[in-house]
Amino acid sequence: MIRLFAALALTVALSLPSLAQEVVLVRHAEKATETDPGLTPDGQARAQALASLLRATPPAMILTSHARRTRDTAAPTAAALGVTPEVVPIPPGDMPAHIRMTAEKLAALKPGQVALVVGHSNTVPAIIKALGGPAVPDLPECAFGRLYRWDVAEKTLRIERYGVESNCPLAE
């Protein structure tokens, strides 16, 4: 009887879908032009669109750089979900350290959890690569609406758009 129960339990466990770990990566939304710029009205709308989109797959972890534009992009999602964003510093002249620290923090993601990373045109591709993903070129200046979904277990990358459409091509 115990063997039958154990076999049944094993069969059920193996038939359940595995809980995916997902890292969602975006470049900050449209920025203003001042020193350490915040977001333009279009950027604020895009940040709100990101928060709406991520209600379906709410992140348990939100990582940004020290730049105001990344923090402002993450803010609506953080407020909607009650998650405190964590700033991962970019040491002066040491972008690889920022990439490494971000990847290390993402390694703490538990099965079934989602993380949001708000970065820059040159950090988003580097973080994808550091997580074991494919090479992604640096993002063009017009690329504010791209969203990358990295499935940690499946090692697959999906590229989507969010917010208002732009004329920026999805792939270079």
Protein backbone atom coordinates (compact mmCIF):
# COMPACT_ATOMS: atom_id res chain seq x y z
CA MET A 1 0.00 0.00 0.00
CA ILE A 2 2.85 2.39 0.88
CA ARG A 3 4.60 1.60 -2.42
CA LEU A 4 1.39 2.25 -4.35
CA PHE A 5 0.93 5.61 -2.58
CA ALA A 6 4.57 6.56 -3.21
CA ALA A 7 4.29 5.63 -6.89
CA LEU A 8 1.08 7.63 -7.23
CA ALA A 9 2.64 10.65 -5.50
CA LEU A 10 5.68 10.47 -7.79
CA THR A 11 3.49 10.21 -10.88
CA VAL A 12 1.48 13.28 -9.85
CA ALA A 13 4.62 15.25 -9.01
CA LEU A 14 6.21 14.46 -12.37
CA SER A 15 3.07 15.40 -14.28
CA LEU A 16 2.80 18.88 -12.73
CA PRO A 17 4.31 21.71 -14.74
CA SER A 18 7.53 23.03 -13.30
CA LEU A 19 7.38 26.47 -11.78
CA ALA A 20 9.16 28.82 -14.11
CA GLN A 21 11.58 31.47 -12.94
CA GLU A 22 11.38 34.46 -15.22
CA VAL A 23 13.47 37.59 -15.49
CA VAL A 24 11.79 40.49 -17.27
CA LEU A 25 14.27 43.06 -18.55
CA VAL A 26 13.49 46.49 -19.97
CA ARG A 27 15.43 49.59 -20.80
CA HIS A 28 14.25 52.65 -18.89
CA ALA A 29 11.36 54.53 -20.48
CA GLU A 30 11.70 57.77 -22.46
CA LYS A 31 13.93 60.19 -20.57
CA ALA A 32 14.07 63.96 -20.24
CA THR A 33 17.26 65.86 -21.03
CA GLU A 34 18.47 67.30 -17.70
CA THR A 35 21.31 65.91 -15.59
CA ASP A 36 20.22 62.52 -14.14
CA PRO A 37 16.99 62.84 -16.10
CA GLY A 38 13.61 61.62 -15.01
CA LEU A 39 10.97 60.53 -17.48
CA THR A 40 9.13 62.55 -20.08
CA PRO A 41 5.31 62.36 -20.13
CA ASP A 42 5.64 59.59 -22.76
CA GLY A 43 8.08 57.80 -20.46
CA GLN A 44 5.71 58.12 -17.51
CA ALA A 45 2.92 56.62 -19.62
CA ARG A 46 5.22 53.76 -20.66
CA ALA A 47 6.15 53.10 -17.02
CA GLN A 48 2.41 52.88 -16.20
CA ALA A 49 1.93 50.50 -19.14
CA LEU A 50 4.71 48.29 -17.75
CA ALA A 51 2.98 48.18 -14.36
CA SER A 52 -0.30 47.18 -16.02
CA LEU A 53 1.38 44.48 -18.09
CA LEU A 54 3.21 42.98 -15.12
CA ARG A 55 0.06 42.54 -13.04
CA ALA A 56 -0.36 39.22 -14.89
CA THR A 57 3.15 38.05 -13.86
CA PRO A 58 3.99 40.13 -10.78
CA PRO A 59 7.68 40.41 -9.95
CA ALA A 60 8.83 39.47 -6.46
CA MET A 61 12.11 41.33 -7.07
CA ILE A 62 12.73 44.65 -8.85
CA LEU A 63 16.28 45.77 -9.66
CA THR A 64 17.31 49.15 -11.08
CA SER A 65 20.51 51.09 -11.54
CA HIS A 66 21.17 54.26 -9.55
CA ALA A 67 19.91 56.42 -12.44
CA ARG A 68 16.67 58.28 -11.76
CA ARG A 69 15.20 57.20 -15.12
CA THR A 70 15.45 53.51 -14.18
CA ARG A 71 13.97 54.10 -10.73
CA ASP A 72 11.13 56.18 -12.24
CA THR A 73 10.39 53.43 -14.78
CA ALA A 74 10.15 50.81 -12.02
CA ALA A 75 8.17 52.99 -9.58
CA PRO A 76 4.61 52.34 -10.84
CA THR A 77 5.17 48.57 -10.87
CA ALA A 78 6.71 48.67 -7.40
CA ALA A 79 3.87 50.80 -6.02
CA ALA A 80 1.16 48.62 -7.58
CA LEU A 81 2.68 45.43 -6.19
CA GLY A 82 4.12 46.64 -2.91
CA VAL A 83 7.66 45.60 -3.87
CA THR A 84 10.61 47.77 -2.86
CA PRO A 85 13.02 48.17 -5.78
CA GLU A 86 16.68 47.50 -5.08
CA VAL A 87 19.32 49.75 -6.62
CA VAL A 88 22.32 47.88 -7.98
CA PRO A 89 25.09 50.47 -8.24
CA ILE A 90 27.24 51.02 -11.30
CA PRO A 91 30.75 51.61 -9.94
CA PRO A 92 32.44 54.42 -11.91
CA GLY A 93 34.10 52.91 -14.97
CA ASP A 94 33.16 49.35 -13.97
CA MET A 95 30.07 48.28 -15.87
CA PRO A 96 31.10 44.58 -15.62
CA ALA A 97 30.80 44.83 -11.81
CA HIS A 98 27.22 46.12 -12.15
CA ILE A 99 26.36 43.27 -14.54
CA ARG A 100 27.92 40.71 -12.19
CA MET A 101 26.14 42.11 -9.10
CA THR A 102 22.80 42.13 -10.92
CA ALA A 103 23.24 38.52 -12.07
CA GLU A 104 24.19 37.49 -8.52
CA LYS A 105 21.04 39.07 -7.10
CA LEU A 106 18.92 37.35 -9.75
CA ALA A 107 20.46 34.00 -8.77
CA ALA A 108 18.48 34.27 -5.52
CA LEU A 109 15.21 34.03 -7.47
CA LYS A 110 13.15 31.09 -6.24
CA PRO A 111 11.15 28.70 -8.45
CA GLY A 112 7.95 30.34 -9.59
CA GLN A 113 9.22 33.87 -8.98
CA VAL A 114 9.53 36.69 -11.47
CA ALA A 115 12.05 39.53 -11.34
CA LEU A 116 11.98 42.87 -13.14
CA VAL A 117 15.26 44.50 -14.15
CA VAL A 118 15.15 48.09 -15.41
CA GLY A 119 18.44 48.94 -17.06
CA HIS A 120 20.03 50.82 -19.92
CA SER A 121 20.62 50.30 -23.65
CA ASN A 122 23.99 48.68 -22.93
CA THR A 123 23.23 46.87 -19.65
CA VAL A 124 20.07 44.96 -20.65
CA PRO A 125 21.89 42.91 -23.34
CA ALA A 126 24.87 42.32 -21.03
CA ILE A 127 22.64 41.09 -18.20
CA ILE A 128 20.83 38.71 -20.57
CA LYS A 129 24.24 37.30 -21.60
CA ALA A 130 25.38 37.04 -17.95
CA LEU A 131 22.25 34.98 -17.18
CA GLY A 132 23.20 32.49 -19.89
CA GLY A 133 21.09 34.03 -22.62
CA PRO A 134 21.94 34.68 -26.23
CA ALA A 135 23.92 37.65 -27.46
CA VAL A 136 21.63 40.64 -27.88
CA PRO A 137 22.99 43.82 -29.49
CA ASP A 138 23.00 47.07 -27.55
CA LEU A 139 19.64 48.76 -27.94
CA PRO A 140 19.27 51.67 -30.34
CA GLU A 141 18.38 55.07 -28.89
CA CYS A 142 14.75 54.67 -30.02
CA ALA A 143 14.23 51.35 -28.19
CA PHE A 144 12.16 52.17 -25.12
CA GLY A 145 9.30 49.73 -25.61
CA ARG A 146 11.16 46.42 -25.78
CA LEU A 147 10.57 43.85 -23.09
CA TYR A 148 12.74 40.75 -22.78
CA ARG A 149 11.46 37.67 -20.93
CA TRP A 150 14.24 35.27 -19.94
CA ASP A 151 12.98 31.87 -18.76
CA VAL A 152 15.69 30.69 -16.40
CA ALA A 153 14.82 26.97 -16.51
CA GLU A 154 14.02 26.70 -20.22
CA LYS A 155 16.82 29.10 -21.21
CA THR A 156 14.56 30.83 -23.72
CA LEU A 157 14.31 34.52 -24.52
CA ARG A 158 11.14 36.18 -25.80
CA ILE A 159 11.13 39.74 -27.07
CA GLU A 160 7.91 41.73 -26.80
CA ARG A 161 6.77 45.31 -27.05
CA TYR A 162 4.90 47.24 -24.40
CA GLY A 163 3.38 50.69 -24.17
CA VAL A 164 2.69 52.96 -27.10
CA GLU A 165 4.01 51.68 -30.43
CA SER A 166 7.13 53.30 -31.77
CA ASN A 167 8.86 53.24 -35.13
CA CYS A 168 11.87 51.52 -33.59
CA PRO A 169 12.39 48.06 -35.12
CA LEU A 170 11.92 45.11 -32.75
CA ALA A 171 15.14 43.46 -33.94
CA GLU A 172 18.25 44.93 -35.49
